[in-house]
Amino acid sequence: MTEIEFKMPDLAATDSEIKVVRWLVDVGQPITRGQALLEVETDKAMMEVESIATGTLKQARVVAGDAIVAGQLIAVIETENAPSRPAGGMFAKNRETARGQPSGAGATLPLSATQRTVGRRMQQSKQAVPHFYLQASANAEPMIAQRTAAAPAPPAWEAFFARAVACALKKFERIACRFETDHLVRTGTAEIGVAVDHGGELYVVALTDPSTRTVAQISEELRAKVEKLRAGDPETRKLKPAAMTITNLGATRVEAFTAIVSPPEAAILAIGRIAPAAVVEGGAVVAQNRASLTLSVDHRVVNGKYAADFLTEIVRELEDF
């Protein structure tokens, strides 16, 4: 028999503290390679740490509530065969969702680490950031025409908006600054974040500077990253800095909504449903599909006129597709 020291794998999803939630097996129990041994929690997700070998859990070197780091010894596994790889694999999922939701009067609904983090950040943003909001709409016919021409694999709607925002930011660079007490700091990134809901969890996928790429290329990157996100890829789940973020609820038939700025970003664009509206063209009233846009802005970074000009530029970019 061989004893294997099992060390905490590098989650690559967070730089924060890792907390042991509970062991899923008892010392002395037989285990198989790939079996979930324990749950850990970061500021972004609840993770299951899997065994790297088949054998017996001989020792548990950490207990529930312990704060641990990557590379720390967490268990000793007794096995007849050495593992074929030195580091453990992991599978991440929302453990509360997997166990089912409580029901009945007075039942509590547990929040995952990700949900708690998002809630805390949004509360801090609403309390500390002086928001103001601007609304506009854009002619969506050019986007619809491009998507129709690209059938049966049309680009994602978010690809159009991400490119329009990125192009507009080239002309209104102040929007991409963050507020620091008595001065502004340039973010130094051209990435655009796209809010993504996965299993009730909110993530932001960062897209490489969309202003330099086609809508088709942006869409391909977005779909690939969302697929990785759903597969539990820790790198995709890691929060990365972006110049600003867009969030799209158009598919839910929400007509318009206001989003909360995600610090240290200074703005976020909320996209509502695309719907026909009556517009005047050449003196005649015609039906035109239009996209509803709401820009939320940190007033410490820019004033209303600057933000209005920025939103107008986004509309122009969308209508020029």
C-alpha atoms as a PDB file:
ATOM      1  CA  MET A   1       0.000   0.000   0.000  1.00  0.00           C
ATOM      2  CA  THR A   2       1.102   3.544  -0.756  1.00  0.00           C
ATOM      3  CA  GLU A   3       0.260   6.708   1.140  1.00  0.00           C
ATOM      4  CA  ILE A   4      -0.408   9.783  -0.970  1.00  0.00           C
ATOM      5  CA  GLU A   5      -0.331  13.287   0.423  1.00  0.00           C
ATOM      6  CA  PHE A   6      -3.285  15.100  -1.132  1.00  0.00           C
ATOM      7  CA  LYS A   7      -2.749  18.852  -1.330  1.00  0.00           C
ATOM      8  CA  MET A   8      -5.341  21.531  -2.006  1.00  0.00           C
ATOM      9  CA  PRO A   9      -5.444  22.114  -5.776  1.00  0.00           C
ATOM     10  CA  ASP A  10      -5.065  25.592  -7.253  1.00  0.00           C
ATOM     11  CA  LEU A  11      -8.617  26.642  -8.102  1.00  0.00           C
ATOM     12  CA  ALA A  12      -7.371  29.437 -10.405  1.00  0.00           C
ATOM     13  CA  ALA A  13     -10.775  31.045  -9.825  1.00  0.00           C
ATOM     14  CA  THR A  14      -9.933  33.376  -6.988  1.00  0.00           C
ATOM     15  CA  ASP A  15      -7.146  35.041  -5.089  1.00  0.00           C
ATOM     16  CA  SER A  16      -9.210  35.086  -1.903  1.00  0.00           C
ATOM     17  CA  GLU A  17      -9.264  32.798   1.108  1.00  0.00           C
ATOM     18  CA  ILE A  18     -10.553  29.247   0.640  1.00  0.00           C
ATOM     19  CA  LYS A  19     -12.786  27.936   3.424  1.00  0.00           C
ATOM     20  CA  VAL A  20     -13.499  24.292   4.174  1.00  0.00           C
ATOM     21  CA  VAL A  21     -17.266  23.773   4.324  1.00  0.00           C
ATOM     22  CA  ARG A  22     -17.549  20.055   5.089  1.00  0.00           C
ATOM     23  CA  TRP A  23     -16.126  16.620   4.355  1.00  0.00           C
ATOM     24  CA  LEU A  24     -18.302  14.420   2.160  1.00  0.00           C
ATOM     25  CA  VAL A  25     -16.642  11.157   3.294  1.00  0.00           C
ATOM     26  CA  ASP A  26     -15.403   9.918   6.645  1.00  0.00           C
ATOM     27  CA  VAL A  27     -11.888   8.837   7.523  1.00  0.00           C
ATOM     28  CA  GLY A  28     -11.540   5.104   6.900  1.00  0.00           C
ATOM     29  CA  GLN A  29     -14.074   5.042   4.070  1.00  0.00           C
ATOM     30  CA  PRO A  30     -13.144   3.679   0.647  1.00  0.00           C
ATOM     31  CA  ILE A  31     -12.967   6.296  -2.097  1.00  0.00           C
ATOM     32  CA  THR A  32     -12.573   6.274  -5.861  1.00  0.00           C
ATOM     33  CA  ARG A  33     -10.630   8.545  -8.157  1.00  0.00           C
ATOM     34  CA  GLY A  34     -12.792  11.528  -9.148  1.00  0.00           C
ATOM     35  CA  GLN A  35     -15.093  11.139  -6.144  1.00  0.00           C
ATOM     36  CA  ALA A  36     -15.940  14.383  -4.329  1.00  0.00           C
ATOM     37  CA  LEU A  37     -14.139  14.376  -0.984  1.00  0.00           C
ATOM     38  CA  LEU A  38     -14.971  17.768   0.479  1.00  0.00           C
ATOM     39  CA  GLU A  39     -16.651  21.084  -0.232  1.00  0.00           C
ATOM     40  CA  VAL A  40     -14.766  24.364  -0.121  1.00  0.00           C
ATOM     41  CA  GLU A  41     -16.010  27.907  -0.553  1.00  0.00           C
ATOM     42  CA  THR A  42     -14.372  30.959  -2.098  1.00  0.00           C
ATOM     43  CA  ASP A  43     -15.745  34.454  -2.557  1.00  0.00           C
ATOM     44  CA  LYS A  44     -17.044  33.380  -5.963  1.00  0.00           C
ATOM     45  CA  ALA A  45     -18.219  29.785  -5.811  1.00  0.00           C
ATOM     46  CA  MET A  46     -18.821  26.614  -3.843  1.00  0.00           C
ATOM     47  CA  MET A  47     -16.479  23.905  -5.108  1.00  0.00           C
ATOM     48  CA  GLU A  48     -16.177  20.145  -4.715  1.00  0.00           C
ATOM     49  CA  VAL A  49     -12.612  18.847  -4.447  1.00  0.00           C
ATOM     50  CA  GLU A  50     -12.219  15.412  -6.024  1.00  0.00           C
ATOM     51  CA  SER A  51      -9.935  12.548  -5.083  1.00  0.00           C
ATOM     52  CA  ILE A  52      -6.864  11.947  -7.228  1.00  0.00           C
ATOM     53  CA  ALA A  53      -6.752   8.233  -6.460  1.00  0.00           C
ATOM     54  CA  THR A  54      -8.776   5.132  -5.576  1.00  0.00           C
ATOM     55  CA  GLY A  55      -8.173   3.767  -2.095  1.00  0.00           C
ATOM     56  CA  THR A  56      -9.043   4.743   1.472  1.00  0.00           C
ATOM     57  CA  LEU A  57      -9.230   8.153   3.127  1.00  0.00           C
ATOM     58  CA  LYS A  58      -6.651   7.568   5.866  1.00  0.00           C
ATOM     59  CA  GLN A  59      -6.370  11.074   7.313  1.00  0.00           C
ATOM     60  CA  ALA A  60      -8.217  14.377   7.054  1.00  0.00           C
ATOM     61  CA  ARG A  61      -5.766  17.179   7.860  1.00  0.00           C
ATOM     62  CA  VAL A  62      -8.338  20.007   7.815  1.00  0.00           C
ATOM     63  CA  VAL A  63     -11.781  20.424   9.342  1.00  0.00           C
ATOM     64  CA  ALA A  64     -14.913  22.409   8.535  1.00  0.00           C
ATOM     65  CA  GLY A  65     -14.338  26.107   9.070  1.00  0.00           C
ATOM     66  CA  ASP A  66     -10.596  26.005   8.389  1.00  0.00           C
ATOM     67  CA  ALA A  67      -9.125  28.645   6.080  1.00  0.00           C
ATOM     68  CA  ILE A  68      -6.718  26.994   3.650  1.00  0.00           C
ATOM     69  CA  VAL A  69      -4.565  27.872   0.648  1.00  0.00           C
ATOM     70  CA  ALA A  70      -3.612  26.134  -2.573  1.00  0.00           C
ATOM     71  CA  GLY A  71      -0.826  23.608  -2.004  1.00  0.00           C
ATOM     72  CA  GLN A  72      -1.739  22.961   1.643  1.00  0.00           C
ATOM     73  CA  LEU A  73      -1.901  19.325   2.774  1.00  0.00           C
ATOM     74  CA  ILE A  74      -5.561  18.464   3.315  1.00  0.00           C
ATOM     75  CA  ALA A  75      -5.656  14.652   3.375  1.00  0.00           C
ATOM     76  CA  VAL A  76      -3.712  11.412   3.194  1.00  0.00           C
ATOM     77  CA  ILE A  77      -4.996   8.693   0.873  1.00  0.00           C
ATOM     78  CA  GLU A  78      -3.936   5.058   1.156  1.00  0.00           C
ATOM     79  CA  THR A  79      -3.889   3.367  -2.224  1.00  0.00           C
ATOM     80  CA  GLU A  80      -2.440   0.397  -4.061  1.00  0.00           C
ATOM     81  CA  ASN A  81      -1.673   2.444  -7.175  1.00  0.00           C
ATOM     82  CA  ALA A  82      -0.098   5.879  -7.483  1.00  0.00           C
ATOM     83  CA  PRO A  83      -2.237   8.439  -9.316  1.00  0.00           C
ATOM     84  CA  SER A  84      -1.465   9.113 -12.960  1.00  0.00           C
ATOM     85  CA  ARG A  85      -1.433  12.873 -12.374  1.00  0.00           C
ATOM     86  CA  PRO A  86       0.032  14.949  -9.484  1.00  0.00           C
ATOM     87  CA  ALA A  87      -2.815  17.468  -9.027  1.00  0.00           C
ATOM     88  CA  GLY A  88      -6.484  16.808  -8.264  1.00  0.00           C
ATOM     89  CA  GLY A  89      -9.276  17.643 -10.685  1.00  0.00           C
ATOM     90  CA  MET A  90     -12.278  19.646  -9.590  1.00  0.00           C
ATOM     91  CA  PHE A  91     -15.892  20.067 -10.429  1.00  0.00           C
ATOM     92  CA  ALA A  92     -17.631  23.305  -9.474  1.00  0.00           C
ATOM     93  CA  LYS A  93     -21.333  23.782  -9.023  1.00  0.00           C
ATOM     94  CA  ASN A  94     -23.843  25.550  -6.855  1.00  0.00           C
ATOM     95  CA  ARG A  95     -24.222  23.061  -4.021  1.00  0.00           C
ATOM     96  CA  GLU A  96     -27.395  24.660  -2.648  1.00  0.00           C
ATOM     97  CA  THR A  97     -29.085  24.325  -6.030  1.00  0.00           C
ATOM     98  CA  ALA A  98     -27.947  20.731  -6.361  1.00  0.00           C
ATOM     99  CA  ARG A  99     -29.486  19.777  -3.028  1.00  0.00           C
ATOM    100  CA  GLY A 100     -32.866  21.242  -3.911  1.00  0.00           C
ATOM    101  CA  GLN A 101     -34.680  24.242  -2.531  1.00  0.00           C
ATOM    102  CA  PRO A 102     -36.504  24.349   0.818  1.00  0.00           C
ATOM    103  CA  SER A 103     -40.260  24.814   0.846  1.00  0.00           C
ATOM    104  CA  GLY A 104     -42.943  25.761   3.312  1.00  0.00           C
ATOM    105  CA  ALA A 105     -43.535  28.746   5.542  1.00  0.00           C
ATOM    106  CA  GLY A 106     -40.447  29.893   7.402  1.00  0.00           C
ATOM    107  CA  ALA A 107     -38.065  27.860   5.273  1.00  0.00           C
ATOM    108  CA  THR A 108     -34.704  29.502   4.587  1.00  0.00           C
ATOM    109  CA  LEU A 109     -33.154  29.741   1.146  1.00  0.00           C
ATOM    110  CA  PRO A 110     -29.357  29.465   1.390  1.00  0.00           C
ATOM    111  CA  LEU A 111     -27.169  31.694  -0.751  1.00  0.00           C
ATOM    112  CA  SER A 112     -24.041  30.455  -2.471  1.00  0.00           C
ATOM    113  CA  ALA A 113     -20.727  32.269  -2.081  1.00  0.00           C
ATOM    114  CA  THR A 114     -21.201  33.808  -5.515  1.00  0.00           C
ATOM    115  CA  GLN A 115     -24.678  35.102  -4.665  1.00  0.00           C
ATOM    116  CA  ARG A 116     -23.457  36.555  -1.372  1.00  0.00           C
ATOM    117  CA  THR A 117     -20.537  38.278  -3.098  1.00  0.00           C
ATOM    118  CA  VAL A 118     -22.728  39.773  -5.820  1.00  0.00           C
ATOM    119  CA  GLY A 119     -25.247  40.947  -3.230  1.00  0.00           C
ATOM    120  CA  ARG A 120     -22.546  42.577  -1.132  1.00  0.00           C
ATOM    121  CA  ARG A 121     -20.926  44.302  -4.115  1.00  0.00           C
ATOM    122  CA  MET A 122     -24.237  45.612  -5.437  1.00  0.00           C
ATOM    123  CA  GLN A 123     -25.276  46.926  -2.035  1.00  0.00           C
ATOM    124  CA  GLN A 124     -21.945  48.716  -1.650  1.00  0.00           C
ATOM    125  CA  SER A 125     -22.297  50.162  -5.160  1.00  0.00           C
ATOM    126  CA  LYS A 126     -25.784  51.577  -4.560  1.00  0.00           C
ATOM    127  CA  GLN A 127     -24.699  53.066  -1.237  1.00  0.00           C
ATOM    128  CA  ALA A 128     -21.360  54.535  -2.330  1.00  0.00           C
ATOM    129  CA  VAL A 129     -21.724  55.318  -6.034  1.00  0.00           C
ATOM    130  CA  PRO A 130     -23.899  58.313  -7.041  1.00  0.00           C
ATOM    131  CA  HIS A 131     -25.758  56.755  -9.968  1.00  0.00           C
ATOM    132  CA  PHE A 132     -27.613  58.586 -12.688  1.00  0.00           C
ATOM    133  CA  TYR A 133     -29.446  57.045 -15.619  1.00  0.00           C
ATOM    134  CA  LEU A 134     -29.962  57.876 -19.280  1.00  0.00           C
ATOM    135  CA  GLN A 135     -32.344  56.165 -21.691  1.00  0.00           C
ATOM    136  CA  ALA A 136     -32.359  55.931 -25.468  1.00  0.00           C
ATOM    137  CA  SER A 137     -33.414  53.583 -28.233  1.00  0.00           C
ATOM    138  CA  ALA A 138     -31.672  52.483 -31.399  1.00  0.00           C
ATOM    139  CA  ASN A 139     -32.868  51.316 -34.796  1.00  0.00           C
ATOM    140  CA  ALA A 140     -32.339  47.553 -34.633  1.00  0.00           C
ATOM    141  CA  GLU A 141     -33.103  46.857 -38.297  1.00  0.00           C
ATOM    142  CA  PRO A 142     -29.401  46.767 -39.350  1.00  0.00           C
ATOM    143  CA  MET A 143     -28.638  44.199 -36.625  1.00  0.00           C
ATOM    144  CA  ILE A 144     -31.680  42.127 -37.558  1.00  0.00           C
ATOM    145  CA  ALA A 145     -30.612  42.170 -41.211  1.00  0.00           C
ATOM    146  CA  GLN A 146     -27.119  40.905 -40.321  1.00  0.00           C
ATOM    147  CA  ARG A 147     -28.498  38.140 -38.135  1.00  0.00           C
ATOM    148  CA  THR A 148     -30.962  37.092 -40.837  1.00  0.00           C
ATOM    149  CA  ALA A 149     -28.199  36.979 -43.453  1.00  0.00           C
ATOM    150  CA  ALA A 150     -26.061  34.822 -41.147  1.00  0.00           C
ATOM    151  CA  ALA A 151     -28.775  32.191 -40.589  1.00  0.00           C
ATOM    152  CA  PRO A 152     -28.820  29.387 -39.556  1.00  0.00           C
ATOM    153  CA  ALA A 153     -26.041  30.491 -37.164  1.00  0.00           C
ATOM    154  CA  PRO A 154     -26.734  34.179 -36.411  1.00  0.00           C
ATOM    155  CA  PRO A 155     -24.323  36.044 -34.120  1.00  0.00           C
ATOM    156  CA  ALA A 156     -25.322  36.600 -30.508  1.00  0.00           C
ATOM    157  CA  TRP A 157     -27.141  39.870 -29.837  1.00  0.00           C
ATOM    158  CA  GLU A 158     -24.577  40.779 -27.196  1.00  0.00           C
ATOM    159  CA  ALA A 159     -21.832  40.775 -29.858  1.00  0.00           C
ATOM    160  CA  PHE A 160     -23.395  43.811 -31.562  1.00  0.00           C
ATOM    161  CA  PHE A 161     -23.761  45.769 -28.336  1.00  0.00           C
ATOM    162  CA  ALA A 162     -20.285  44.846 -27.070  1.00  0.00           C
ATOM    163  CA  ARG A 163     -18.710  46.108 -30.301  1.00  0.00           C
ATOM    164  CA  ALA A 164     -20.758  49.307 -30.289  1.00  0.00           C
ATOM    165  CA  VAL A 165     -19.785  50.066 -26.689  1.00  0.00           C
ATOM    166  CA  ALA A 166     -16.105  49.299 -27.334  1.00  0.00           C
ATOM    167  CA  CYS A 167     -16.042  51.570 -30.390  1.00  0.00           C
ATOM    168  CA  ALA A 168     -17.796  54.367 -28.492  1.00  0.00           C
ATOM    169  CA  LEU A 169     -15.273  54.082 -25.650  1.00  0.00           C
ATOM    170  CA  LYS A 170     -12.476  54.887 -28.091  1.00  0.00           C
ATOM    171  CA  LYS A 171     -14.013  58.371 -28.432  1.00  0.00           C
ATOM    172  CA  PHE A 172     -15.153  58.751 -24.811  1.00  0.00           C
ATOM    173  CA  GLU A 173     -12.205  57.376 -22.831  1.00  0.00           C
ATOM    174  CA  ARG A 174     -13.211  59.029 -19.559  1.00  0.00           C
ATOM    175  CA  ILE A 175     -16.019  56.464 -19.185  1.00  0.00           C
ATOM    176  CA  ALA A 176     -13.331  53.789 -18.839  1.00  0.00           C
ATOM    177  CA  CYS A 177     -11.791  55.506 -15.787  1.00  0.00           C
ATOM    178  CA  ARG A 178     -12.359  54.625 -12.152  1.00  0.00           C
ATOM    179  CA  PHE A 179     -12.839  57.055  -9.281  1.00  0.00           C
ATOM    180  CA  GLU A 180     -10.082  57.259  -6.628  1.00  0.00           C
ATOM    181  CA  THR A 181     -10.923  59.823  -3.898  1.00  0.00           C
ATOM    182  CA  ASP A 182      -9.455  62.935  -5.555  1.00  0.00           C
ATOM    183  CA  HIS A 183      -8.470  61.717  -9.012  1.00  0.00           C
ATOM    184  CA  LEU A 184      -9.417  59.338 -11.825  1.00  0.00           C
ATOM    185  CA  VAL A 185      -7.389  56.314 -12.932  1.00  0.00           C
ATOM    186  CA  ARG A 186      -7.523  54.803 -16.401  1.00  0.00           C
ATOM    187  CA  THR A 187      -8.483  51.151 -16.256  1.00  0.00           C
ATOM    188  CA  GLY A 188      -5.895  50.164 -18.856  1.00  0.00           C
ATOM    189  CA  THR A 189      -8.116  47.532 -20.458  1.00  0.00           C
ATOM    190  CA  ALA A 190     -10.274  47.492 -23.576  1.00  0.00           C
ATOM    191  CA  GLU A 191     -12.210  44.390 -22.590  1.00  0.00           C
ATOM    192  CA  ILE A 192     -15.987  44.575 -22.394  1.00  0.00           C
ATOM    193  CA  GLY A 193     -17.812  42.501 -19.791  1.00  0.00           C
ATOM    194  CA  VAL A 194     -21.019  40.637 -20.603  1.00  0.00           C
ATOM    195  CA  ALA A 195     -23.261  39.648 -17.692  1.00  0.00           C
ATOM    196  CA  VAL A 196     -24.223  35.965 -17.885  1.00  0.00           C
ATOM    197  CA  ASP A 197     -26.716  34.056 -15.734  1.00  0.00           C
ATOM    198  CA  HIS A 198     -25.836  30.417 -15.106  1.00  0.00           C
ATOM    199  CA  GLY A 199     -27.901  28.307 -12.755  1.00  0.00           C
ATOM    200  CA  GLY A 200     -29.034  31.340 -10.793  1.00  0.00           C
ATOM    201  CA  GLU A 201     -25.458  32.624 -10.456  1.00  0.00           C
ATOM    202  CA  LEU A 202     -24.327  35.906 -12.040  1.00  0.00           C
ATOM    203  CA  TYR A 203     -20.999  35.930 -13.847  1.00  0.00           C
ATOM    204  CA  VAL A 204     -19.297  38.433 -16.131  1.00  0.00           C
ATOM    205  CA  VAL A 205     -17.543  37.133 -19.235  1.00  0.00           C
ATOM    206  CA  ALA A 206     -14.758  39.454 -20.435  1.00  0.00           C
ATOM    207  CA  LEU A 207     -14.456  39.878 -24.201  1.00  0.00           C
ATOM    208  CA  THR A 208     -11.155  40.844 -25.814  1.00  0.00           C
ATOM    209  CA  ASP A 209     -11.329  44.393 -27.241  1.00  0.00           C
ATOM    210  CA  PRO A 210     -14.448  44.053 -29.432  1.00  0.00           C
ATOM    211  CA  SER A 211     -13.684  47.258 -31.341  1.00  0.00           C
ATOM    212  CA  THR A 212     -10.913  45.461 -33.246  1.00  0.00           C
ATOM    213  CA  ARG A 213     -12.977  42.440 -34.294  1.00  0.00           C
ATOM    214  CA  THR A 214     -16.044  41.537 -36.329  1.00  0.00           C
ATOM    215  CA  VAL A 215     -19.414  40.772 -34.808  1.00  0.00           C
ATOM    216  CA  ALA A 216     -19.007  37.143 -35.884  1.00  0.00           C
ATOM    217  CA  GLN A 217     -15.641  36.870 -34.117  1.00  0.00           C
ATOM    218  CA  ILE A 218     -16.994  38.499 -30.961  1.00  0.00           C
ATOM    219  CA  SER A 219     -19.991  36.153 -30.972  1.00  0.00           C
ATOM    220  CA  GLU A 220     -17.741  33.124 -31.383  1.00  0.00           C
ATOM    221  CA  GLU A 221     -15.603  34.182 -28.424  1.00  0.00           C
ATOM    222  CA  LEU A 222     -18.654  34.884 -26.259  1.00  0.00           C
ATOM    223  CA  ARG A 223     -20.293  31.536 -26.984  1.00  0.00           C
ATOM    224  CA  ALA A 224     -17.039  29.656 -26.396  1.00  0.00           C
ATOM    225  CA  LYS A 225     -16.514  31.346 -23.036  1.00  0.00           C
ATOM    226  CA  VAL A 226     -20.123  30.807 -21.958  1.00  0.00           C
ATOM    227  CA  GLU A 227     -19.748  27.126 -22.827  1.00  0.00           C
ATOM    228  CA  LYS A 228     -16.610  26.930 -20.685  1.00  0.00           C
ATOM    229  CA  LEU A 229     -18.442  28.745 -17.902  1.00  0.00           C
ATOM    230  CA  ARG A 230     -21.262  26.189 -17.953  1.00  0.00           C
ATOM    231  CA  ALA A 231     -18.714  23.368 -17.960  1.00  0.00           C
ATOM    232  CA  GLY A 232     -17.236  24.715 -14.714  1.00  0.00           C
ATOM    233  CA  ASP A 233     -14.013  26.139 -16.155  1.00  0.00           C
ATOM    234  CA  PRO A 234     -12.428  28.018 -13.216  1.00  0.00           C
ATOM    235  CA  GLU A 235     -10.505  30.504 -15.365  1.00  0.00           C
ATOM    236  CA  THR A 236     -13.682  31.653 -17.132  1.00  0.00           C
ATOM    237  CA  ARG A 237     -15.422  32.061 -13.766  1.00  0.00           C
ATOM    238  CA  LYS A 238     -12.645  34.294 -12.447  1.00  0.00           C
ATOM    239  CA  LEU A 239     -13.656  37.944 -12.194  1.00  0.00           C
ATOM    240  CA  LYS A 240     -11.551  40.022 -14.596  1.00  0.00           C
ATOM    241  CA  PRO A 241     -11.334  43.797 -15.011  1.00  0.00           C
ATOM    242  CA  ALA A 242     -13.286  45.358 -17.870  1.00  0.00           C
ATOM    243  CA  ALA A 243     -13.658  48.872 -19.240  1.00  0.00           C
ATOM    244  CA  MET A 244     -17.413  48.519 -18.655  1.00  0.00           C
ATOM    245  CA  THR A 245     -20.139  45.877 -18.710  1.00  0.00           C
ATOM    246  CA  ILE A 246     -23.306  45.238 -20.708  1.00  0.00           C
ATOM    247  CA  THR A 247     -26.308  43.271 -19.465  1.00  0.00           C
ATOM    248  CA  ASN A 248     -29.064  42.043 -21.763  1.00  0.00           C
ATOM    249  CA  LEU A 249     -32.556  41.003 -20.637  1.00  0.00           C
ATOM    250  CA  GLY A 250     -34.172  41.412 -24.035  1.00  0.00           C
ATOM    251  CA  ALA A 251     -34.827  37.701 -24.387  1.00  0.00           C
ATOM    252  CA  THR A 252     -37.052  37.823 -21.284  1.00  0.00           C
ATOM    253  CA  ARG A 253     -39.362  40.401 -22.882  1.00  0.00           C
ATOM    254  CA  VAL A 254     -38.318  43.042 -20.362  1.00  0.00           C
ATOM    255  CA  GLU A 255     -38.843  46.337 -22.175  1.00  0.00           C
ATOM    256  CA  ALA A 256     -36.319  48.408 -20.209  1.00  0.00           C
ATOM    257  CA  PHE A 257     -34.468  48.291 -16.897  1.00  0.00           C
ATOM    258  CA  THR A 258     -31.712  50.049 -14.962  1.00  0.00           C
ATOM    259  CA  ALA A 259     -28.625  48.140 -13.893  1.00  0.00           C
ATOM    260  CA  ILE A 260     -26.291  48.775 -10.960  1.00  0.00           C
ATOM    261  CA  VAL A 261     -22.755  49.916 -11.761  1.00  0.00           C
ATOM    262  CA  SER A 262     -20.170  47.293 -10.828  1.00  0.00           C
ATOM    263  CA  PRO A 263     -17.187  49.093  -9.215  1.00  0.00           C
ATOM    264  CA  PRO A 264     -14.527  49.952 -10.096  1.00  0.00           C
ATOM    265  CA  GLU A 265     -16.243  50.375 -13.483  1.00  0.00           C
ATOM    266  CA  ALA A 266     -17.972  53.710 -14.034  1.00  0.00           C
ATOM    267  CA  ALA A 267     -20.881  52.605 -16.233  1.00  0.00           C
ATOM    268  CA  ILE A 268     -23.057  49.694 -17.284  1.00  0.00           C
ATOM    269  CA  LEU A 269     -25.396  49.413 -20.267  1.00  0.00           C
ATOM    270  CA  ALA A 270     -28.752  47.670 -19.749  1.00  0.00           C
ATOM    271  CA  ILE A 271     -30.384  46.296 -22.903  1.00  0.00           C
ATOM    272  CA  GLY A 272     -34.111  45.654 -23.023  1.00  0.00           C
ATOM    273  CA  ARG A 273     -36.191  43.851 -25.627  1.00  0.00           C
ATOM    274  CA  ILE A 274     -36.152  44.717 -29.290  1.00  0.00           C
ATOM    275  CA  ALA A 275     -39.716  45.548 -30.356  1.00  0.00           C
ATOM    276  CA  PRO A 276     -41.530  47.354 -33.156  1.00  0.00           C
ATOM    277  CA  ALA A 277     -42.264  51.022 -32.569  1.00  0.00           C
ATOM    278  CA  ALA A 278     -43.934  53.738 -34.585  1.00  0.00           C
ATOM    279  CA  VAL A 279     -41.386  56.161 -36.036  1.00  0.00           C
ATOM    280  CA  VAL A 280     -41.622  58.965 -38.571  1.00  0.00           C
ATOM    281  CA  GLU A 281     -39.606  58.541 -41.761  1.00  0.00           C
ATOM    282  CA  GLY A 282     -40.002  60.944 -44.667  1.00  0.00           C
ATOM    283  CA  GLY A 283     -43.126  62.381 -43.134  1.00  0.00           C
ATOM    284  CA  ALA A 284     -44.803  58.974 -42.822  1.00  0.00           C
ATOM    285  CA  VAL A 285     -45.331  56.821 -39.740  1.00  0.00           C
ATOM    286  CA  VAL A 286     -43.731  53.390 -40.150  1.00  0.00           C
ATOM    287  CA  ALA A 287     -43.073  50.394 -37.925  1.00  0.00           C
ATOM    288  CA  GLN A 288     -39.422  49.931 -36.995  1.00  0.00           C
ATOM    289  CA  ASN A 289     -37.767  47.435 -34.628  1.00  0.00           C
ATOM    290  CA  ARG A 290     -35.904  49.351 -31.945  1.00  0.00           C
ATOM    291  CA  ALA A 291     -33.632  48.349 -29.065  1.00  0.00           C
ATOM    292  CA  SER A 292     -34.165  49.868 -25.617  1.00  0.00           C
ATOM    293  CA  LEU A 293     -30.982  51.091 -23.888  1.00  0.00           C
ATOM    294  CA  THR A 294     -30.416  52.407 -20.364  1.00  0.00           C
ATOM    295  CA  LEU A 295     -26.992  53.659 -19.320  1.00  0.00           C
ATOM    296  CA  SER A 296     -26.182  53.727 -15.597  1.00  0.00           C
ATOM    297  CA  VAL A 297     -23.257  56.022 -14.773  1.00  0.00           C
ATOM    298  CA  ASP A 298     -21.069  56.984 -11.818  1.00  0.00           C
ATOM    299  CA  HIS A 299     -21.563  60.774 -11.539  1.00  0.00           C
ATOM    300  CA  ARG A 300     -18.158  61.140  -9.873  1.00  0.00           C
ATOM    301  CA  VAL A 301     -16.482  60.106 -13.133  1.00  0.00           C
ATOM    302  CA  VAL A 302     -18.517  61.911 -15.797  1.00  0.00           C
ATOM    303  CA  ASN A 303     -21.320  64.463 -15.985  1.00  0.00           C
ATOM    304  CA  GLY A 304     -24.674  64.122 -17.697  1.00  0.00           C
ATOM    305  CA  LYS A 305     -23.682  65.771 -20.993  1.00  0.00           C
ATOM    306  CA  TYR A 306     -20.602  63.597 -21.432  1.00  0.00           C
ATOM    307  CA  ALA A 307     -22.593  60.451 -20.690  1.00  0.00           C
ATOM    308  CA  ALA A 308     -25.371  61.551 -23.040  1.00  0.00           C
ATOM    309  CA  ASP A 309     -22.879  62.046 -25.859  1.00  0.00           C
ATOM    310  CA  PHE A 310     -21.416  58.614 -25.110  1.00  0.00           C
ATOM    311  CA  LEU A 311     -24.839  56.959 -25.259  1.00  0.00           C
ATOM    312  CA  THR A 312     -25.593  58.806 -28.495  1.00  0.00           C
ATOM    313  CA  GLU A 313     -22.378  57.405 -29.963  1.00  0.00           C
ATOM    314  CA  ILE A 314     -23.398  53.879 -28.936  1.00  0.00           C
ATOM    315  CA  VAL A 315     -26.709  54.379 -30.763  1.00  0.00           C
ATOM    316  CA  ARG A 316     -24.864  55.632 -33.847  1.00  0.00           C
ATOM    317  CA  GLU A 317     -22.566  52.607 -33.819  1.00  0.00           C
ATOM    318  CA  LEU A 318     -25.544  50.240 -33.542  1.00  0.00           C
ATOM    319  CA  GLU A 319     -27.400  51.895 -36.377  1.00  0.00           C
ATOM    320  CA  ASP A 320     -24.317  51.792 -38.639  1.00  0.00           C
ATOM    321  CA  PHE A 321     -24.029  47.985 -38.697  1.00  0.00           C
END
